[in-house]
């Protein structure tokens, strides 16, 4: 993780402000797991709200050419440990 820099989403493209990869990037995921340690349900609710916003933003930017729902689910929710 980059020291001193928060890996936050750059909207409406939903790329990381630090590393410019798809958010949540690996560093953001690591930070979120630490921040929400022991509270997987709250992390999942937060990520669902981010998924909702990202779906709207990315559809407005790309229309039907944007990421598929399956890809967005994997990106925002699918990585959370069970």
N, C-alpha and C. Protein backbone atom coordinates (compact mmCIF):
# COMPACT_ATOMS: atom_id res chain seq x y z
N UNK A 1 0.84 -1.17 0.00
CA UNK A 1 0.00 0.00 0.00
C UNK A 1 0.90 1.24 0.00
N UNK A 2 0.48 2.27 -0.70
CA UNK A 2 1.24 3.50 -0.74
C UNK A 2 1.11 4.23 0.58
N UNK A 3 2.23 4.52 1.22
CA UNK A 3 2.22 5.17 2.53
C UNK A 3 1.65 6.57 2.42
N UNK A 4 0.72 6.88 3.32
CA UNK A 4 0.17 8.22 3.42
C UNK A 4 -0.90 8.56 2.40
N UNK A 5 -1.21 7.68 1.49
CA UNK A 5 -2.20 7.97 0.46
C UNK A 5 -3.36 6.98 0.58
N UNK A 6 -4.55 7.53 0.64
CA UNK A 6 -5.73 6.68 0.72
C UNK A 6 -6.14 6.26 -0.68
N UNK A 7 -6.36 4.98 -0.85
CA UNK A 7 -6.79 4.43 -2.14
C UNK A 7 -8.31 4.54 -2.22
N UNK A 8 -8.77 5.71 -2.62
CA UNK A 8 -10.20 6.01 -2.71
C UNK A 8 -10.63 6.01 -4.16
N UNK A 9 -11.93 5.88 -4.37
CA UNK A 9 -12.48 5.86 -5.72
C UNK A 9 -12.52 7.25 -6.33
N UNK A 10 -12.18 7.30 -7.60
CA UNK A 10 -12.33 8.52 -8.40
C UNK A 10 -13.59 8.33 -9.23
N UNK A 11 -14.59 9.11 -8.91
CA UNK A 11 -15.86 9.01 -9.62
C UNK A 11 -15.91 10.02 -10.74
N UNK A 12 -16.57 9.72 -11.81
CA UNK A 12 -17.51 8.63 -12.04
C UNK A 12 -16.87 7.39 -12.68
N UNK A 13 -15.56 7.41 -12.89
CA UNK A 13 -14.91 6.28 -13.57
C UNK A 13 -14.67 5.09 -12.64
N UNK A 14 -14.71 5.31 -11.35
CA UNK A 14 -14.47 4.27 -10.36
C UNK A 14 -13.10 3.63 -10.51
N UNK A 15 -12.10 4.49 -10.69
CA UNK A 15 -10.71 4.05 -10.65
C UNK A 15 -10.09 4.59 -9.38
N UNK A 16 -8.99 3.99 -8.95
CA UNK A 16 -8.32 4.41 -7.72
C UNK A 16 -7.62 5.75 -7.95
N UNK A 17 -7.74 6.65 -6.99
CA UNK A 17 -7.09 7.96 -7.09
C UNK A 17 -5.57 7.87 -6.99
N UNK A 18 -5.06 6.79 -6.42
CA UNK A 18 -3.61 6.65 -6.23
C UNK A 18 -2.98 5.81 -7.33
N UNK A 19 -3.50 4.61 -7.55
CA UNK A 19 -2.84 3.69 -8.49
C UNK A 19 -3.56 3.58 -9.84
N UNK A 20 -4.68 4.27 -9.99
CA UNK A 20 -5.42 4.35 -11.25
C UNK A 20 -5.90 3.00 -11.80
N UNK A 21 -6.07 2.02 -10.91
CA UNK A 21 -6.67 0.75 -11.33
C UNK A 21 -8.13 0.74 -10.89
N UNK A 22 -8.86 -0.26 -11.32
CA UNK A 22 -10.28 -0.36 -10.96
C UNK A 22 -10.43 -0.40 -9.44
N UNK A 23 -11.33 0.45 -8.91
CA UNK A 23 -11.57 0.50 -7.47
C UNK A 23 -12.70 -0.47 -7.14
N UNK A 24 -12.61 -1.21 -6.06
CA UNK A 24 -11.55 -1.18 -5.05
C UNK A 24 -10.32 -1.97 -5.51
N UNK A 25 -9.20 -1.27 -5.54
CA UNK A 25 -7.93 -1.89 -5.92
C UNK A 25 -7.45 -2.79 -4.77
N UNK A 26 -6.36 -3.47 -4.99
CA UNK A 26 -5.84 -4.38 -3.96
C UNK A 26 -5.54 -3.65 -2.66
N UNK A 27 -4.97 -2.47 -2.76
CA UNK A 27 -4.65 -1.70 -1.54
C UNK A 27 -5.92 -1.25 -0.82
N UNK A 28 -6.93 -0.84 -1.58
CA UNK A 28 -8.20 -0.44 -0.96
C UNK A 28 -8.87 -1.63 -0.28
N UNK A 29 -8.81 -2.79 -0.93
CA UNK A 29 -9.40 -3.99 -0.33
C UNK A 29 -8.71 -4.33 0.99
N UNK A 30 -7.39 -4.24 1.00
CA UNK A 30 -6.63 -4.51 2.22
C UNK A 30 -7.03 -3.53 3.33
N UNK A 31 -7.11 -2.26 2.98
CA UNK A 31 -7.50 -1.23 3.97
C UNK A 31 -8.91 -1.47 4.48
N UNK A 32 -9.82 -1.83 3.59
CA UNK A 32 -11.20 -2.08 4.00
C UNK A 32 -11.30 -3.29 4.93
N UNK A 33 -10.54 -4.33 4.63
CA UNK A 33 -10.55 -5.50 5.51
C UNK A 33 -10.04 -5.15 6.91
N UNK A 34 -9.06 -4.28 6.98
CA UNK A 34 -8.54 -3.84 8.27
C UNK A 34 -9.57 -2.95 8.98
N UNK A 35 -10.11 -1.99 8.24
CA UNK A 35 -11.07 -1.06 8.83
C UNK A 35 -12.32 -1.77 9.35
N UNK A 36 -12.78 -2.77 8.62
CA UNK A 36 -14.00 -3.48 8.99
C UNK A 36 -13.71 -4.85 9.61
N UNK A 37 -12.54 -5.00 10.19
CA UNK A 37 -12.15 -6.29 10.79
C UNK A 37 -13.22 -6.78 11.75
N UNK A 38 -13.62 -8.02 11.56
CA UNK A 38 -14.62 -8.61 12.46
C UNK A 38 -16.04 -8.17 12.18
N UNK A 39 -16.25 -7.39 11.12
CA UNK A 39 -17.59 -6.92 10.83
C UNK A 39 -17.87 -7.05 9.34
N UNK A 40 -17.88 -8.28 8.87
CA UNK A 40 -18.07 -8.57 7.45
C UNK A 40 -19.41 -8.06 6.93
N UNK A 41 -20.45 -8.13 7.75
CA UNK A 41 -21.77 -7.69 7.30
C UNK A 41 -21.76 -6.19 6.99
N UNK A 42 -21.19 -5.40 7.87
CA UNK A 42 -21.12 -3.95 7.64
C UNK A 42 -20.27 -3.64 6.42
N UNK A 43 -19.16 -4.34 6.24
CA UNK A 43 -18.33 -4.16 5.05
C UNK A 43 -19.14 -4.48 3.80
N UNK A 44 -19.89 -5.56 3.83
CA UNK A 44 -20.70 -5.95 2.68
C UNK A 44 -21.78 -4.92 2.37
N UNK A 45 -22.41 -4.37 3.39
CA UNK A 45 -23.42 -3.33 3.18
C UNK A 45 -22.77 -2.09 2.55
N UNK A 46 -21.62 -1.69 3.07
CA UNK A 46 -20.90 -0.54 2.50
C UNK A 46 -20.58 -0.80 1.03
N UNK A 47 -20.02 -1.97 0.73
CA UNK A 47 -19.64 -2.27 -0.64
C UNK A 47 -20.85 -2.38 -1.56
N UNK A 48 -21.97 -2.84 -1.04
CA UNK A 48 -23.21 -2.87 -1.84
C UNK A 48 -23.64 -1.45 -2.22
N UNK A 49 -23.49 -0.53 -1.29
CA UNK A 49 -23.86 0.86 -1.61
C UNK A 49 -22.89 1.44 -2.64
N UNK A 50 -21.61 1.07 -2.56
CA UNK A 50 -20.64 1.52 -3.57
C UNK A 50 -20.95 0.89 -4.93
N UNK A 51 -21.34 -0.38 -4.92
CA UNK A 51 -21.73 -1.07 -6.15
C UNK A 51 -22.93 -0.38 -6.80
N UNK A 52 -23.88 0.00 -6.00
CA UNK A 52 -25.07 0.70 -6.51
C UNK A 52 -24.67 2.00 -7.20
N UNK A 53 -23.84 2.80 -6.53
CA UNK A 53 -23.38 4.06 -7.10
C UNK A 53 -22.54 3.84 -8.35
N UNK A 54 -21.65 2.86 -8.31
CA UNK A 54 -20.78 2.58 -9.45
C UNK A 54 -21.60 2.13 -10.66
N UNK A 55 -22.60 1.31 -10.42
CA UNK A 55 -23.44 0.84 -11.52
C UNK A 55 -24.09 2.02 -12.23
N UNK A 56 -24.61 2.94 -11.47
CA UNK A 56 -25.25 4.13 -12.04
C UNK A 56 -24.23 4.99 -12.80
N UNK A 57 -23.10 5.28 -12.17
CA UNK A 57 -22.07 6.12 -12.80
C UNK A 57 -21.52 5.48 -14.08
N UNK A 58 -21.18 4.21 -13.99
CA UNK A 58 -20.57 3.54 -15.14
C UNK A 58 -21.57 3.36 -16.29
N UNK A 59 -22.83 3.16 -15.96
CA UNK A 59 -23.84 3.08 -17.02
C UNK A 59 -23.99 4.43 -17.70
N UNK A 60 -23.97 5.51 -16.92
CA UNK A 60 -24.07 6.85 -17.50
C UNK A 60 -22.87 7.15 -18.40
N UNK A 61 -21.69 6.66 -18.03
CA UNK A 61 -20.49 6.90 -18.83
C UNK A 61 -20.42 6.03 -20.08
N UNK A 62 -20.78 4.75 -19.94
CA UNK A 62 -20.53 3.78 -21.01
C UNK A 62 -21.78 3.13 -21.60
N UNK A 63 -22.93 3.36 -21.01
CA UNK A 63 -24.14 2.69 -21.49
C UNK A 63 -24.00 1.18 -21.36
N UNK A 64 -24.51 0.47 -22.33
CA UNK A 64 -24.46 -0.99 -22.30
C UNK A 64 -23.06 -1.53 -22.56
N UNK A 65 -22.12 -0.69 -22.96
CA UNK A 65 -20.74 -1.12 -23.21
C UNK A 65 -19.92 -1.17 -21.92
N UNK A 66 -20.50 -0.76 -20.82
CA UNK A 66 -19.79 -0.77 -19.54
C UNK A 66 -19.64 -2.18 -18.99
N UNK A 67 -19.06 -2.29 -17.80
CA UNK A 67 -18.85 -3.61 -17.19
C UNK A 67 -20.17 -4.36 -16.98
N UNK A 68 -20.11 -5.66 -17.17
CA UNK A 68 -21.29 -6.51 -16.97
C UNK A 68 -21.59 -6.61 -15.48
N UNK A 69 -22.86 -6.82 -15.13
CA UNK A 69 -23.21 -6.95 -13.71
C UNK A 69 -22.37 -8.00 -12.98
N UNK A 70 -22.09 -9.11 -13.63
CA UNK A 70 -21.27 -10.18 -13.03
C UNK A 70 -19.87 -9.65 -12.67
N UNK A 71 -19.29 -8.85 -13.57
CA UNK A 71 -17.97 -8.28 -13.32
C UNK A 71 -18.01 -7.30 -12.15
N UNK A 72 -19.04 -6.47 -12.10
CA UNK A 72 -19.16 -5.51 -11.01
C UNK A 72 -19.37 -6.21 -9.67
N UNK A 73 -20.16 -7.27 -9.66
CA UNK A 73 -20.34 -8.03 -8.42
C UNK A 73 -19.01 -8.59 -7.94
N UNK A 74 -18.25 -9.20 -8.83
CA UNK A 74 -16.95 -9.77 -8.45
C UNK A 74 -16.02 -8.68 -7.94
N UNK A 75 -16.04 -7.54 -8.58
CA UNK A 75 -15.16 -6.43 -8.23
C UNK A 75 -15.50 -5.82 -6.88
N UNK A 76 -16.78 -5.65 -6.59
CA UNK A 76 -17.18 -4.95 -5.37
C UNK A 76 -17.52 -5.87 -4.20
N UNK A 77 -18.08 -7.03 -4.46
CA UNK A 77 -18.59 -7.89 -3.39
C UNK A 77 -17.90 -9.24 -3.33
N UNK A 78 -17.61 -9.79 -4.47
CA UNK A 78 -17.14 -11.17 -4.55
C UNK A 78 -15.84 -11.48 -3.83
N UNK A 79 -15.03 -10.49 -3.54
CA UNK A 79 -13.74 -10.71 -2.90
C UNK A 79 -13.83 -10.73 -1.37
N UNK A 80 -14.96 -10.33 -0.81
CA UNK A 80 -15.08 -10.27 0.65
C UNK A 80 -15.05 -11.69 1.20
N UNK A 81 -14.16 -11.96 2.17
CA UNK A 81 -14.08 -13.30 2.74
C UNK A 81 -15.39 -13.72 3.39
N UNK A 82 -15.69 -14.99 3.28
CA UNK A 82 -16.92 -15.52 3.88
C UNK A 82 -16.67 -15.95 5.30
